[in-house]
Amino acid sequence: MIKSMTGFGNAGWENEEFMIHVEVKSLNSKFLDLSIRSPRQFSDKELEIRNLTQAVLERGKVGISIEFLAKNTSDIPVSINEELFRAYYSKFQNLSETVGANTAEVFKLALQAPSVITNTNTDESDTEAEWALVKKVIEEALAKCDEFRSDEGKVLEQKLLKNIEAIAGGLEKVKAEEGQRKEKIKQRIRGHFQEWLDENDFDKNRFEQELIYYFEKLDINEEIVRLDTHLKYFRKSLKEESNQGKKLGFISQEIGREINTIGSKANDAGIQQYVILMKDELEKIKEQSMNVL
């Protein structure tokens, strides 16, 4: 069963002291590309968050947003150095005016400047207790995102199977055309050479050898067999465990190689239309496979 890399999950927790909300979004990526937005008191937990994400989602472009609100308190857990903030703000403002830049973001930049905001919660036991709560909510949100991916994977699997069946249908049409193609080639060669054969001496054995060589160059039976094998392997891979995205991409390349060879060697208008159909379906498969975990 395949999984999609597109996913979404959110989870929350609340009591009289705290309100916690975590949101996870994921898109396709070759590797784990993780971005985290979290309160400053949990900035040292980034590596642990990454490990939690890696264990569940494995890879993809993942964004995690963590909100943590302490209720019923008049003291905020951070200290703001107002003098340093004003110095940064003034400097950034002057620089933006010098180059004619938009000053709308100056306040945000000054507030995020080094040492402007510092964490005043020095009680490690309180921080660890809060983190334990936040961690549970993160795990729940990741699990929901993974479930979303599984549901999307089922839909994606049906689309891929439909595309593969379309290619298989095109291949069956090629097989049906192949016998007629060979006969047409034979008739064409006989017609072209009949008059010449009647008027000139000709080594019949040599002619047969040349004809065999010519047919071998145009023969597509091996490509048909290999393409049929690749299609079966693709279907089998869809039913296996997750992490099939890269494998499906490799199989798609092999499928494309055989389709192209059939088109170039067949040199037949009837077969060529089915080759175009198969190529069109293969492009859909390649596009969809990029989103498979």
Protein backbone atom coordinates (compact mmCIF):
# COMPACT_ATOMS: atom_id res chain seq x y z
CA MET A 1 0.00 0.00 0.00
CA ILE A 2 1.56 3.28 -1.11
CA LYS A 3 1.38 6.60 0.71
CA SER A 4 1.15 10.09 -0.68
CA MET A 5 3.59 12.74 0.51
CA THR A 6 0.75 15.28 0.64
CA GLY A 7 -0.65 15.37 4.14
CA PHE A 8 -2.19 17.47 6.89
CA GLY A 9 -2.74 16.89 10.57
CA ASN A 10 -3.53 19.01 13.60
CA ALA A 11 -4.01 18.32 17.27
CA GLY A 12 -4.71 20.31 20.42
CA TRP A 13 -4.70 20.03 24.17
CA GLU A 14 -6.06 22.38 26.81
CA ASN A 15 -6.54 22.59 30.58
CA GLU A 16 -6.81 25.41 33.12
CA GLU A 17 -3.12 26.29 32.76
CA PHE A 18 -2.17 25.78 29.12
CA MET A 19 -3.49 25.73 25.56
CA ILE A 20 -1.44 23.80 23.00
CA HIS A 21 -2.08 23.51 19.27
CA VAL A 22 0.13 21.82 16.65
CA GLU A 23 -0.36 21.82 12.89
CA VAL A 24 1.59 19.66 10.41
CA LYS A 25 1.59 20.09 6.63
CA SER A 26 3.59 18.05 4.11
CA LEU A 27 4.28 18.10 0.37
CA ASN A 28 6.52 16.03 -1.87
CA SER A 29 10.31 16.24 -1.64
CA LYS A 30 13.21 13.85 -2.28
CA PHE A 31 14.37 14.24 1.32
CA LEU A 32 13.02 15.45 4.66
CA ASP A 33 12.85 19.23 4.31
CA LEU A 34 11.56 20.35 7.70
CA SER A 35 10.62 23.85 8.86
CA ILE A 36 9.56 24.45 12.47
CA ARG A 37 7.74 27.39 14.06
CA SER A 38 7.72 27.05 17.83
CA PRO A 39 7.86 29.23 20.99
CA ARG A 40 11.32 30.30 22.12
CA GLN A 41 11.25 28.16 25.26
CA PHE A 42 11.27 25.06 23.03
CA SER A 43 13.96 26.22 20.60
CA ASP A 44 16.38 23.62 21.99
CA LYS A 45 13.95 20.83 21.10
CA GLU A 46 14.34 21.21 17.34
CA LEU A 47 16.49 18.08 16.97
CA GLU A 48 13.98 16.01 18.96
CA ILE A 49 11.12 17.36 16.82
CA ARG A 50 13.09 16.44 13.69
CA ASN A 51 13.62 12.90 14.96
CA LEU A 52 9.92 12.54 15.79
CA THR A 53 9.00 13.75 12.30
CA GLN A 54 11.56 11.51 10.57
CA ALA A 55 10.24 8.44 12.39
CA VAL A 56 6.65 9.01 11.24
CA LEU A 57 6.70 10.91 7.93
CA GLU A 58 10.17 9.82 6.71
CA ARG A 59 10.52 12.37 3.91
CA GLY A 60 8.77 15.30 2.27
CA LYS A 61 8.62 19.07 2.61
CA VAL A 62 7.14 19.30 6.11
CA GLY A 63 6.07 22.37 8.05
CA ILE A 64 5.28 22.15 11.77
CA SER A 65 3.64 25.03 13.64
CA ILE A 66 3.51 24.87 17.46
CA GLU A 67 1.40 27.23 19.57
CA PHE A 68 1.77 27.24 23.35
CA LEU A 69 -0.26 29.61 25.50
CA ALA A 70 -0.01 29.86 29.26
CA LYS A 71 -3.32 30.96 30.83
CA ASN A 72 -4.08 32.97 33.99
CA THR A 73 -0.71 34.66 34.27
CA SER A 74 0.28 38.29 34.14
CA ASP A 75 3.97 37.50 33.65
CA ILE A 76 5.19 36.57 30.22
CA PRO A 77 8.04 34.00 30.13
CA VAL A 78 10.34 36.32 28.16
CA SER A 79 12.20 39.57 28.72
CA ILE A 80 12.35 42.29 26.08
CA ASN A 81 15.38 44.56 25.98
CA GLU A 82 13.57 47.73 24.93
CA GLU A 83 16.69 49.88 24.62
CA LEU A 84 18.33 47.33 22.32
CA PHE A 85 15.09 47.00 20.36
CA ARG A 86 14.94 50.77 19.74
CA ALA A 87 18.57 50.77 18.61
CA TYR A 88 17.95 47.97 16.12
CA TYR A 89 14.71 49.59 14.93
CA SER A 90 16.39 52.96 14.33
CA LYS A 91 19.28 51.36 12.46
CA PHE A 92 17.04 49.20 10.26
CA GLN A 93 14.76 52.16 9.58
CA ASN A 94 17.68 54.34 8.41
CA LEU A 95 19.05 51.56 6.21
CA SER A 96 15.69 50.92 4.54
CA GLU A 97 15.22 54.64 3.82
CA THR A 98 18.74 54.82 2.37
CA VAL A 99 18.05 52.15 -0.24
CA GLY A 100 14.37 53.01 -0.71
CA ALA A 101 13.16 49.67 0.65
CA ASN A 102 9.78 48.91 2.17
CA THR A 103 9.85 49.69 5.92
CA ALA A 104 6.82 47.56 6.78
CA GLU A 105 8.95 44.70 8.12
CA VAL A 106 11.34 46.83 10.19
CA PHE A 107 9.42 46.27 13.45
CA LYS A 108 9.47 42.49 12.98
CA LEU A 109 13.17 42.46 12.09
CA ALA A 110 14.09 44.54 15.12
CA LEU A 111 12.03 42.35 17.44
CA GLN A 112 13.73 39.20 16.10
CA ALA A 113 17.23 40.68 16.31
CA PRO A 114 19.77 38.91 18.58
CA SER A 115 19.32 39.39 22.36
CA VAL A 116 16.21 41.56 22.03
CA ILE A 117 14.01 38.79 23.45
CA THR A 118 15.37 36.37 26.04
CA ASN A 119 13.66 33.51 27.84
CA THR A 120 13.10 34.24 31.55
CA ASN A 121 11.74 30.80 32.45
CA THR A 122 14.75 29.34 34.24
CA ASP A 123 12.91 26.54 35.99
CA GLU A 124 14.01 23.51 33.96
CA SER A 125 11.52 21.19 35.66
CA ASP A 126 8.61 23.43 34.58
CA THR A 127 9.97 23.63 31.02
CA GLU A 128 10.37 19.85 30.78
CA ALA A 129 6.86 19.28 32.08
CA GLU A 130 5.50 21.70 29.50
CA TRP A 131 7.56 20.05 26.77
CA ALA A 132 6.18 16.62 27.69
CA LEU A 133 2.68 17.96 27.01
CA VAL A 134 3.72 19.62 23.77
CA LYS A 135 5.50 16.44 22.62
CA LYS A 136 2.32 14.37 22.99
CA VAL A 137 0.38 16.87 20.89
CA ILE A 138 3.12 16.85 18.22
CA GLU A 139 3.01 13.05 18.08
CA GLU A 140 -0.77 13.13 17.68
CA ALA A 141 -0.60 15.70 14.87
CA LEU A 142 2.10 13.67 13.09
CA ALA A 143 -0.03 10.52 13.37
CA LYS A 144 -3.01 12.33 11.84
CA CYS A 145 -0.83 13.65 9.02
CA ASP A 146 0.42 10.11 8.37
CA GLU A 147 -3.18 8.84 8.29
CA PHE A 148 -4.04 11.59 5.81
CA ARG A 149 -1.13 10.43 3.64
CA SER A 150 -2.42 6.85 3.71
CA ASP A 151 -5.88 7.96 2.59
CA GLU A 152 -4.37 10.06 -0.20
CA GLY A 153 -2.20 7.08 -1.15
CA LYS A 154 -5.28 4.93 -1.77
CA VAL A 155 -6.63 7.51 -4.21
CA LEU A 156 -3.22 7.86 -5.84
CA GLU A 157 -2.90 4.09 -6.22
CA GLN A 158 -6.18 3.90 -8.13
CA LYS A 159 -5.03 6.65 -10.50
CA LEU A 160 -1.72 4.89 -11.15
CA LEU A 161 -3.43 1.55 -11.74
CA LYS A 162 -5.77 3.23 -14.23
CA ASN A 163 -2.78 4.69 -16.09
CA ILE A 164 -0.95 1.36 -16.10
CA GLU A 165 -4.03 -0.45 -17.41
CA ALA A 166 -4.27 2.13 -20.20
CA ILE A 167 -0.65 1.39 -21.18
CA ALA A 168 -1.34 -2.35 -20.98
CA GLY A 169 -4.34 -1.82 -23.26
CA GLY A 170 -2.15 0.04 -25.74
CA LEU A 171 0.37 -2.78 -25.62
CA GLU A 172 -2.32 -5.34 -26.45
CA LYS A 173 -3.26 -3.24 -29.48
CA VAL A 174 0.42 -3.18 -30.52
CA LYS A 175 0.54 -6.99 -30.24
CA ALA A 176 -2.52 -7.26 -32.45
CA GLU A 177 -0.98 -4.91 -35.03
CA GLU A 178 2.40 -6.65 -35.00
CA GLY A 179 1.33 -9.65 -37.14
CA GLN A 180 -0.23 -7.41 -39.75
CA ARG A 181 2.81 -5.13 -39.73
CA LYS A 182 5.17 -8.01 -40.57
CA GLU A 183 2.94 -9.17 -43.39
CA LYS A 184 2.75 -5.63 -44.81
CA ILE A 185 6.54 -5.38 -44.75
CA LYS A 186 6.88 -8.69 -46.58
CA GLN A 187 4.41 -7.64 -49.24
CA ARG A 188 6.11 -4.28 -49.69
CA ILE A 189 9.54 -5.87 -50.10
CA ARG A 190 8.20 -8.44 -52.59
CA GLY A 191 6.50 -5.71 -54.61
CA HIS A 192 9.63 -3.54 -54.75
CA PHE A 193 11.93 -6.34 -55.82
CA GLN A 194 9.66 -8.53 -57.95
CA GLU A 195 10.43 -6.83 -61.26
CA TRP A 196 14.13 -6.66 -60.50
CA LEU A 197 14.22 -10.36 -59.53
CA ASP A 198 12.52 -11.35 -62.80
CA GLU A 199 15.04 -9.48 -64.95
CA ASN A 200 18.30 -10.23 -63.13
CA ASP A 201 20.21 -13.14 -61.76
CA PHE A 202 19.90 -13.20 -57.99
CA ASP A 203 21.41 -15.23 -55.17
CA LYS A 204 18.28 -16.44 -53.44
CA ASN A 205 20.12 -17.62 -50.31
CA ARG A 206 21.85 -14.28 -49.92
CA PHE A 207 18.55 -12.50 -50.34
CA GLU A 208 16.98 -14.61 -47.59
CA GLN A 209 19.90 -13.83 -45.27
CA GLU A 210 19.52 -10.10 -45.90
CA LEU A 211 15.80 -10.38 -45.36
CA ILE A 212 16.28 -12.15 -42.02
CA TYR A 213 18.73 -9.43 -40.91
CA TYR A 214 16.26 -6.75 -41.95
CA PHE A 215 13.41 -8.34 -40.00
CA GLU A 216 15.60 -8.71 -36.92
CA LYS A 217 16.31 -4.98 -37.02
CA LEU A 218 12.57 -4.26 -37.11
CA ASP A 219 11.49 -6.97 -34.68
CA ILE A 220 9.83 -5.59 -31.52
CA ASN A 221 8.92 -8.84 -29.77
CA GLU A 222 11.66 -8.47 -27.14
CA GLU A 223 10.53 -4.93 -26.35
CA ILE A 224 6.92 -6.12 -26.06
CA VAL A 225 7.92 -8.86 -23.60
CA ARG A 226 10.05 -6.48 -21.51
CA LEU A 227 7.35 -3.81 -21.43
CA ASP A 228 4.79 -6.39 -20.31
CA THR A 229 7.19 -7.47 -17.53
CA HIS A 230 7.73 -3.87 -16.37
CA LEU A 231 3.98 -3.26 -16.20
CA LYS A 232 3.48 -6.35 -14.04
CA TYR A 233 6.34 -5.28 -11.76
CA PHE A 234 4.82 -1.80 -11.43
CA ARG A 235 1.49 -3.29 -10.31
CA LYS A 236 3.28 -5.55 -7.83
CA SER A 237 5.25 -2.63 -6.36
CA LEU A 238 2.04 -0.67 -5.78
CA LYS A 239 0.85 -3.44 -3.45
CA GLU A 240 4.05 -3.59 -1.42
CA GLU A 241 4.92 -1.62 1.73
CA SER A 242 5.54 2.13 1.65
CA ASN A 243 8.71 3.82 0.35
CA GLN A 244 7.90 2.75 -3.20
CA GLY A 245 8.07 6.23 -4.74
CA LYS A 246 11.65 6.04 -5.96
CA LYS A 247 11.22 2.45 -7.18
CA LEU A 248 8.12 3.43 -9.17
CA GLY A 249 10.14 6.26 -10.70
CA PHE A 250 12.85 3.84 -11.84
CA ILE A 251 10.31 1.39 -13.28
CA SER A 252 8.64 4.27 -15.13
CA GLN A 253 11.98 5.09 -16.79
CA GLU A 254 12.29 1.49 -18.01
CA ILE A 255 8.70 1.52 -19.28
CA GLY A 256 9.44 4.70 -21.21
CA ARG A 257 12.58 3.20 -22.72
CA GLU A 258 10.67 0.20 -24.12
CA ILE A 259 7.80 2.33 -25.44
CA ASN A 260 10.25 4.61 -27.27
CA THR A 261 12.11 1.65 -28.79
CA ILE A 262 8.85 0.08 -29.98
CA GLY A 263 7.91 3.35 -31.66
CA SER A 264 11.27 3.81 -33.39
CA LYS A 265 11.69 0.18 -34.54
CA ALA A 266 8.10 -0.47 -35.60
CA ASN A 267 8.06 2.30 -38.22
CA ASP A 268 4.33 1.79 -38.57
CA ALA A 269 1.57 4.40 -38.46
CA GLY A 270 -0.93 2.04 -36.83
CA ILE A 271 1.42 1.11 -34.00
CA GLN A 272 2.64 4.68 -33.63
CA GLN A 273 -0.79 5.92 -32.52
CA TYR A 274 -0.77 3.41 -29.66
CA VAL A 275 2.78 4.43 -28.78
CA ILE A 276 1.60 8.04 -28.43
CA LEU A 277 -1.28 6.90 -26.22
CA MET A 278 1.12 4.94 -23.98
CA LYS A 279 3.53 7.88 -23.75
CA ASP A 280 0.70 10.16 -22.66
CA GLU A 281 -0.31 7.77 -19.87
CA LEU A 282 3.31 7.35 -18.82
CA GLU A 283 3.73 11.11 -18.37
CA LYS A 284 0.75 11.05 -15.99
CA ILE A 285 2.39 8.21 -14.06
CA LYS A 286 5.69 10.08 -13.78
CA GLU A 287 3.92 13.17 -12.48
CA GLN A 288 1.91 11.19 -9.92
CA SER A 289 4.89 9.06 -8.84
CA MET A 290 6.74 12.17 -7.67
CA ASN A 291 4.17 12.44 -4.87
CA VAL A 292 4.51 8.80 -3.73
CA LEU A 293 6.43 8.25 -0.49
